[in-house]
C-alpha atoms as a PDB file:
ATOM      1  CA  MET A   1     -18.964  -0.376  56.630  1.00  0.00           C
ATOM      2  CA  PRO A   2     -19.803   3.383  57.778  1.00  0.00           C
ATOM      3  CA  VAL A   3     -19.425   3.847  61.213  1.00  0.00           C
ATOM      4  CA  ILE A   4     -21.167   7.206  62.546  1.00  0.00           C
ATOM      5  CA  VAL A   5     -20.132   8.283  66.083  1.00  0.00           C
ATOM      6  CA  VAL A   6     -22.602  11.059  67.967  1.00  0.00           C
ATOM      7  CA  ALA A   7     -20.381  12.508  70.748  1.00  0.00           C
ATOM      8  CA  ASN A   8     -19.950  15.151  73.063  1.00  0.00           C
ATOM      9  CA  PRO A   9     -18.283  15.014  76.535  1.00  0.00           C
ATOM     10  CA  LYS A  10     -21.092  17.257  78.051  1.00  0.00           C
ATOM     11  CA  GLY A  11     -24.145  15.378  79.099  1.00  0.00           C
ATOM     12  CA  GLY A  12     -27.597  16.201  78.271  1.00  0.00           C
ATOM     13  CA  VAL A  13     -27.132  17.676  74.831  1.00  0.00           C
ATOM     14  CA  GLY A  14     -29.118  15.362  72.849  1.00  0.00           C
ATOM     15  CA  LYS A  15     -26.920  12.620  71.606  1.00  0.00           C
ATOM     16  CA  SER A  16     -29.353   9.488  72.096  1.00  0.00           C
ATOM     17  CA  THR A  17     -32.006  11.955  69.970  1.00  0.00           C
ATOM     18  CA  ILE A  18     -29.803  12.147  67.168  1.00  0.00           C
ATOM     19  CA  ALA A  19     -28.225   8.578  67.382  1.00  0.00           C
ATOM     20  CA  THR A  20     -31.706   6.982  67.486  1.00  0.00           C
ATOM     21  CA  ASN A  21     -33.221   9.039  64.666  1.00  0.00           C
ATOM     22  CA  LEU A  22     -30.148   8.660  62.609  1.00  0.00           C
ATOM     23  CA  ALA A  23     -30.346   4.923  63.081  1.00  0.00           C
ATOM     24  CA  GLY A  24     -34.123   5.204  62.211  1.00  0.00           C
ATOM     25  CA  TYR A  25     -33.402   7.219  58.873  1.00  0.00           C
ATOM     26  CA  LEU A  26     -30.914   4.509  57.916  1.00  0.00           C
ATOM     27  CA  ALA A  27     -33.089   1.676  58.654  1.00  0.00           C
ATOM     28  CA  ARG A  28     -35.809   3.087  56.883  1.00  0.00           C
ATOM     29  CA  GLN A  29     -33.474   3.627  53.684  1.00  0.00           C
ATOM     30  CA  GLY A  30     -33.293  -0.268  53.633  1.00  0.00           C
ATOM     31  CA  HIS A  31     -29.640  -0.349  55.536  1.00  0.00           C
ATOM     32  CA  GLY A  32     -28.618  -3.310  57.912  1.00  0.00           C
ATOM     33  CA  VAL A  33     -28.216  -0.896  60.796  1.00  0.00           C
ATOM     34  CA  MET A  34     -26.773  -1.354  64.339  1.00  0.00           C
ATOM     35  CA  LEU A  35     -27.427   1.217  67.087  1.00  0.00           C
ATOM     36  CA  GLY A  36     -24.770   0.634  69.896  1.00  0.00           C
ATOM     37  CA  ASP A  37     -23.570   2.649  73.010  1.00  0.00           C
ATOM     38  CA  ILE A  38     -19.885   3.082  73.953  1.00  0.00           C
ATOM     39  CA  ASP A  39     -20.635   2.497  77.907  1.00  0.00           C
ATOM     40  CA  LEU A  40     -21.362  -0.725  79.932  1.00  0.00           C
ATOM     41  CA  GLN A  41     -25.042   0.184  80.539  1.00  0.00           C
ATOM     42  CA  GLN A  42     -25.994  -0.396  76.900  1.00  0.00           C
ATOM     43  CA  SER A  43     -29.101   1.968  77.320  1.00  0.00           C
ATOM     44  CA  SER A  44     -29.688   1.851  73.593  1.00  0.00           C
ATOM     45  CA  ARG A  45     -31.218  -1.535  74.049  1.00  0.00           C
ATOM     46  CA  SER A  46     -33.808  -0.186  76.319  1.00  0.00           C
ATOM     47  CA  TRP A  47     -35.021   1.946  73.462  1.00  0.00           C
ATOM     48  CA  LEU A  48     -34.660  -0.872  71.124  1.00  0.00           C
ATOM     49  CA  SER A  49     -36.862  -2.954  73.327  1.00  0.00           C
ATOM     50  CA  LEU A  50     -39.839  -0.538  72.793  1.00  0.00           C
ATOM     51  CA  ARG A  51     -39.482  -0.631  69.101  1.00  0.00           C
ATOM     52  CA  PRO A  52     -42.415  -2.168  67.112  1.00  0.00           C
ATOM     53  CA  ALA A  53     -41.463  -5.173  65.147  1.00  0.00           C
ATOM     54  CA  SER A  54     -43.399  -3.420  62.412  1.00  0.00           C
ATOM     55  CA  LEU A  55     -40.780  -0.969  62.112  1.00  0.00           C
ATOM     56  CA  PRO A  56     -37.762  -1.120  60.267  1.00  0.00           C
ATOM     57  CA  ALA A  57     -35.181  -3.375  62.210  1.00  0.00           C
ATOM     58  CA  ILE A  58     -32.403  -1.825  64.053  1.00  0.00           C
ATOM     59  CA  ALA A  59     -30.217  -4.248  65.775  1.00  0.00           C
ATOM     60  CA  PRO A  60     -28.162  -4.054  69.190  1.00  0.00           C
ATOM     61  CA  TRP A  61     -24.636  -4.951  69.517  1.00  0.00           C
ATOM     62  CA  ASP A  62     -23.886  -8.724  69.799  1.00  0.00           C
ATOM     63  CA  ILE A  63     -22.504  -9.533  73.278  1.00  0.00           C
ATOM     64  CA  LEU A  64     -20.293 -12.417  73.124  1.00  0.00           C
ATOM     65  CA  GLU A  65     -19.636 -14.786  75.939  1.00  0.00           C
ATOM     66  CA  ASP A  66     -16.301 -12.974  77.090  1.00  0.00           C
ATOM     67  CA  GLY A  67     -18.721  -9.802  77.361  1.00  0.00           C
ATOM     68  CA  SER A  68     -17.102  -8.198  74.693  1.00  0.00           C
ATOM     69  CA  ALA A  69     -19.560  -6.592  71.735  1.00  0.00           C
ATOM     70  CA  LYS A  70     -19.495  -6.649  67.913  1.00  0.00           C
ATOM     71  CA  PRO A  71     -22.164  -5.562  65.169  1.00  0.00           C
ATOM     72  CA  PRO A  72     -24.381  -8.359  64.349  1.00  0.00           C
ATOM     73  CA  LYS A  73     -24.129 -10.463  61.078  1.00  0.00           C
ATOM     74  CA  GLY A  74     -25.688  -8.415  58.280  1.00  0.00           C
ATOM     75  CA  THR A  75     -24.854  -4.841  59.685  1.00  0.00           C
ATOM     76  CA  THR A  76     -23.997  -2.460  56.828  1.00  0.00           C
ATOM     77  CA  HIS A  77     -24.074   0.862  58.908  1.00  0.00           C
ATOM     78  CA  VAL A  78     -23.019   1.437  62.518  1.00  0.00           C
ATOM     79  CA  VAL A  79     -24.308   4.488  64.652  1.00  0.00           C
ATOM     80  CA  LEU A  80     -22.772   4.664  68.109  1.00  0.00           C
ATOM     81  CA  ASP A  81     -23.934   6.782  71.003  1.00  0.00           C
ATOM     82  CA  THR A  82     -21.209   7.854  73.746  1.00  0.00           C
ATOM     83  CA  PRO A  83     -21.794   8.587  77.080  1.00  0.00           C
ATOM     84  CA  ALA A  84     -21.084  11.908  79.178  1.00  0.00           C
ATOM     85  CA  GLY A  85     -17.409  12.208  80.058  1.00  0.00           C
ATOM     86  CA  PHE A  86     -16.357  10.465  76.631  1.00  0.00           C
ATOM     87  CA  ASP A  87     -12.633  11.057  77.107  1.00  0.00           C
ATOM     88  CA  GLY A  88      -9.487   8.954  77.395  1.00  0.00           C
ATOM     89  CA  PRO A  89      -8.120   6.054  75.496  1.00  0.00           C
ATOM     90  CA  ARG A  90     -11.618   4.620  75.061  1.00  0.00           C
ATOM     91  CA  ALA A  91     -12.731   7.720  73.353  1.00  0.00           C
ATOM     92  CA  GLU A  92      -9.643   7.685  71.151  1.00  0.00           C
ATOM     93  CA  GLN A  93     -10.013   3.960  70.107  1.00  0.00           C
ATOM     94  CA  VAL A  94     -13.746   4.847  68.987  1.00  0.00           C
ATOM     95  CA  LEU A  95     -12.818   7.862  67.075  1.00  0.00           C
ATOM     96  CA  ALA A  96     -10.170   6.236  65.345  1.00  0.00           C
ATOM     97  CA  MET A  97     -12.798   3.643  63.728  1.00  0.00           C
ATOM     98  CA  ALA A  98     -15.338   6.593  62.888  1.00  0.00           C
ATOM     99  CA  HIS A  99     -15.917   7.815  59.281  1.00  0.00           C
ATOM    100  CA  LYS A 100     -18.023  10.758  60.776  1.00  0.00           C
ATOM    101  CA  VAL A 101     -18.630  12.248  63.984  1.00  0.00           C
ATOM    102  CA  ILE A 102     -21.873  14.314  64.703  1.00  0.00           C
ATOM    103  CA  VAL A 103     -21.361  16.799  67.717  1.00  0.00           C
ATOM    104  CA  PRO A 104     -24.632  17.881  69.070  1.00  0.00           C
ATOM    105  CA  LEU A 105     -24.339  21.119  70.938  1.00  0.00           C
ATOM    106  CA  GLN A 106     -26.714  23.386  72.840  1.00  0.00           C
ATOM    107  CA  ALA A 107     -26.372  27.434  72.592  1.00  0.00           C
ATOM    108  CA  SER A 108     -25.627  28.117  76.097  1.00  0.00           C
ATOM    109  CA  MET A 109     -22.230  29.347  76.952  1.00  0.00           C
ATOM    110  CA  PHE A 110     -21.862  26.428  79.474  1.00  0.00           C
ATOM    111  CA  ASP A 111     -22.029  24.077  76.948  1.00  0.00           C
ATOM    112  CA  ILE A 112     -20.112  25.823  74.280  1.00  0.00           C
ATOM    113  CA  LEU A 113     -17.156  25.949  76.925  1.00  0.00           C
ATOM    114  CA  ALA A 114     -17.624  22.383  77.855  1.00  0.00           C
ATOM    115  CA  THR A 115     -17.295  21.100  74.458  1.00  0.00           C
ATOM    116  CA  GLN A 116     -14.645  23.384  73.095  1.00  0.00           C
ATOM    117  CA  ALA A 117     -11.842  21.134  73.821  1.00  0.00           C
ATOM    118  CA  PHE A 118     -13.470  18.177  72.325  1.00  0.00           C
ATOM    119  CA  LEU A 119     -14.058  20.033  68.975  1.00  0.00           C
ATOM    120  CA  GLN A 120     -10.360  21.550  68.821  1.00  0.00           C
ATOM    121  CA  ARG A 121      -9.171  17.743  69.321  1.00  0.00           C
ATOM    122  CA  LEU A 122     -11.441  16.547  66.507  1.00  0.00           C
ATOM    123  CA  ARG A 123     -10.375  19.307  64.202  1.00  0.00           C
ATOM    124  CA  GLU A 124      -6.449  18.560  65.009  1.00  0.00           C
ATOM    125  CA  ARG A 125      -7.150  14.918  63.998  1.00  0.00           C
ATOM    126  CA  GLY A 126      -8.097  15.571  60.860  1.00  0.00           C
ATOM    127  CA  SER A 127      -8.675  11.954  59.860  1.00  0.00           C
ATOM    128  CA  VAL A 128     -12.318  12.242  60.583  1.00  0.00           C
ATOM    129  CA  ALA A 129     -14.910  14.389  59.256  1.00  0.00           C
ATOM    130  CA  ALA A 130     -17.009  16.193  62.148  1.00  0.00           C
ATOM    131  CA  GLY A 131     -19.766  18.445  62.077  1.00  0.00           C
ATOM    132  CA  VAL A 132     -21.888  20.165  64.640  1.00  0.00           C
ATOM    133  CA  VAL A 133     -25.789  20.268  65.311  1.00  0.00           C
ATOM    134  CA  GLY A 134     -27.255  22.948  67.264  1.00  0.00           C
ATOM    135  CA  MET A 135     -29.829  21.289  69.637  1.00  0.00           C
ATOM    136  CA  ARG A 136     -32.979  22.979  70.972  1.00  0.00           C
ATOM    137  CA  VAL A 137     -32.559  26.302  69.312  1.00  0.00           C
ATOM    138  CA  ASN A 138     -34.232  28.303  66.875  1.00  0.00           C
ATOM    139  CA  PRO A 139     -32.236  28.833  63.748  1.00  0.00           C
ATOM    140  CA  ARG A 140     -33.649  32.266  63.378  1.00  0.00           C
ATOM    141  CA  THR A 141     -32.235  33.482  67.010  1.00  0.00           C
ATOM    142  CA  LYS A 142     -29.419  35.294  67.704  1.00  0.00           C
ATOM    143  CA  SER A 143     -28.184  32.356  69.653  1.00  0.00           C
ATOM    144  CA  ALA A 144     -28.021  30.023  66.372  1.00  0.00           C
ATOM    145  CA  GLU A 145     -26.133  32.914  64.710  1.00  0.00           C
ATOM    146  CA  GLN A 146     -23.550  32.806  67.579  1.00  0.00           C
ATOM    147  CA  LEU A 147     -23.358  29.270  67.624  1.00  0.00           C
ATOM    148  CA  ALA A 148     -22.849  28.789  64.057  1.00  0.00           C
ATOM    149  CA  HIS A 149     -20.253  31.702  64.139  1.00  0.00           C
ATOM    150  CA  TYR A 150     -18.441  29.890  67.052  1.00  0.00           C
ATOM    151  CA  THR A 151     -18.038  26.654  64.890  1.00  0.00           C
ATOM    152  CA  ARG A 152     -16.835  28.652  62.023  1.00  0.00           C
ATOM    153  CA  THR A 153     -13.934  29.998  64.097  1.00  0.00           C
ATOM    154  CA  LEU A 154     -13.104  26.366  64.934  1.00  0.00           C
ATOM    155  CA  GLY A 155     -13.271  25.172  61.322  1.00  0.00           C
ATOM    156  CA  VAL A 156     -15.992  22.699  62.226  1.00  0.00           C
ATOM    157  CA  PRO A 157     -19.108  23.029  60.043  1.00  0.00           C
ATOM    158  CA  MET A 158     -22.712  23.525  61.319  1.00  0.00           C
ATOM    159  CA  LEU A 159     -24.700  21.062  59.829  1.00  0.00           C
ATOM    160  CA  GLY A 160     -28.117  22.437  61.140  1.00  0.00           C
ATOM    161  CA  PHE A 161     -30.336  23.079  64.028  1.00  0.00           C
ATOM    162  CA  LEU A 162     -33.079  20.890  65.811  1.00  0.00           C
ATOM    163  CA  ARG A 163     -35.909  22.830  67.311  1.00  0.00           C
ATOM    164  CA  ASP A 164     -37.066  21.921  70.869  1.00  0.00           C
ATOM    165  CA  THR A 165     -40.274  19.786  70.464  1.00  0.00           C
ATOM    166  CA  GLN A 166     -42.119  17.183  71.925  1.00  0.00           C
ATOM    167  CA  ASN A 167     -42.028  15.100  68.631  1.00  0.00           C
ATOM    168  CA  TYR A 168     -38.671  13.531  69.742  1.00  0.00           C
ATOM    169  CA  VAL A 169     -39.799  12.739  73.185  1.00  0.00           C
ATOM    170  CA  GLN A 170     -43.179  11.145  72.273  1.00  0.00           C
ATOM    171  CA  LEU A 171     -41.512   9.080  69.541  1.00  0.00           C
ATOM    172  CA  ALA A 172     -38.593   7.975  71.916  1.00  0.00           C
ATOM    173  CA  ALA A 173     -41.274   6.700  74.326  1.00  0.00           C
ATOM    174  CA  HIS A 174     -42.445   4.265  71.652  1.00  0.00           C
ATOM    175  CA  GLY A 175     -39.269   2.816  70.147  1.00  0.00           C
ATOM    176  CA  ALA A 176     -39.858   5.299  66.921  1.00  0.00           C
ATOM    177  CA  THR A 177     -38.436   8.038  65.251  1.00  0.00           C
ATOM    178  CA  LEU A 178     -39.104  10.877  62.756  1.00  0.00           C
ATOM    179  CA  TRP A 179     -39.282   8.237  59.819  1.00  0.00           C
ATOM    180  CA  ASP A 180     -41.420   5.874  61.464  1.00  0.00           C
ATOM    181  CA  VAL A 181     -44.688   7.971  61.205  1.00  0.00           C
ATOM    182  CA  ALA A 182     -46.526  10.337  58.576  1.00  0.00           C
ATOM    183  CA  PRO A 183     -44.422  13.094  57.355  1.00  0.00           C
ATOM    184  CA  SER A 184     -47.034  15.389  57.697  1.00  0.00           C
ATOM    185  CA  ARG A 185     -46.888  15.026  61.314  1.00  0.00           C
ATOM    186  CA  VAL A 186     -43.216  15.806  61.698  1.00  0.00           C
ATOM    187  CA  GLU A 187     -42.737  18.043  58.529  1.00  0.00           C
ATOM    188  CA  LYS A 188     -40.639  20.927  60.312  1.00  0.00           C
ATOM    189  CA  ASP A 189     -38.369  18.398  62.022  1.00  0.00           C
ATOM    190  CA  LEU A 190     -37.728  16.354  58.919  1.00  0.00           C
ATOM    191  CA  GLU A 191     -36.824  19.919  56.878  1.00  0.00           C
ATOM    192  CA  GLN A 192     -34.364  20.535  59.734  1.00  0.00           C
ATOM    193  CA  TRP A 193     -32.498  17.106  59.141  1.00  0.00           C
ATOM    194  CA  GLN A 194     -31.793  17.852  55.632  1.00  0.00           C
ATOM    195  CA  GLY A 195     -28.131  19.504  56.137  1.00  0.00           C
ATOM    196  CA  LEU A 196     -27.122  16.686  58.393  1.00  0.00           C
ATOM    197  CA  LEU A 197     -28.177  13.924  55.970  1.00  0.00           C
ATOM    198  CA  GLN A 198     -26.423  15.432  53.033  1.00  0.00           C
ATOM    199  CA  TRP A 199     -23.280  15.929  54.936  1.00  0.00           C
ATOM    200  CA  LEU A 200     -23.517  12.167  55.843  1.00  0.00           C
ATOM    201  CA  GLN A 201     -23.653  11.282  51.910  1.00  0.00           C
ATOM    202  CA  GLN A 202     -20.610  13.216  51.283  1.00  0.00           C
ATOM    203  CA  SER A 203     -17.567  10.797  50.913  1.00  0.00           C
END
């Protein structure tokens, strides 16, 4: 069962945007998808509670009587969102079971510096494929070029850039994703996801 972890110890970089939309894509492909959080708040449940029953189903964790969590029966793909400050033994445990790690990263120097140690750790592990997605950045700008150069120096692939758009905000408010609306409405955004999706399909 593929486990895709969306992680960055820096907060506010767009982890939930990627996690929810990735879960939506996998659900649209007909997979049994579970979207979960690696924190006690289980905030993904709030987003899932907004999701209309008419859309492809995305399941939350099954919470057992002892408080532990597990994927529900029928799950074929797991997407895990992680909190700010993702570090320590819990982070190591999650990364050990991950098949792919997606690292959202904004182009500001503050975000880059806050994420550098985490990217270096992922590279040193060598046991999990990791890639970076530039968040809220125009791929034609100098900032995007500098961010791509930075990831190359670390040996971590740049999977693409997602623009700053209200599409994500408006869809999230209704429990929806890019793959739940007419493609013509989000055409530019769907194009930007192609590199990431192709990378996920690689073994």
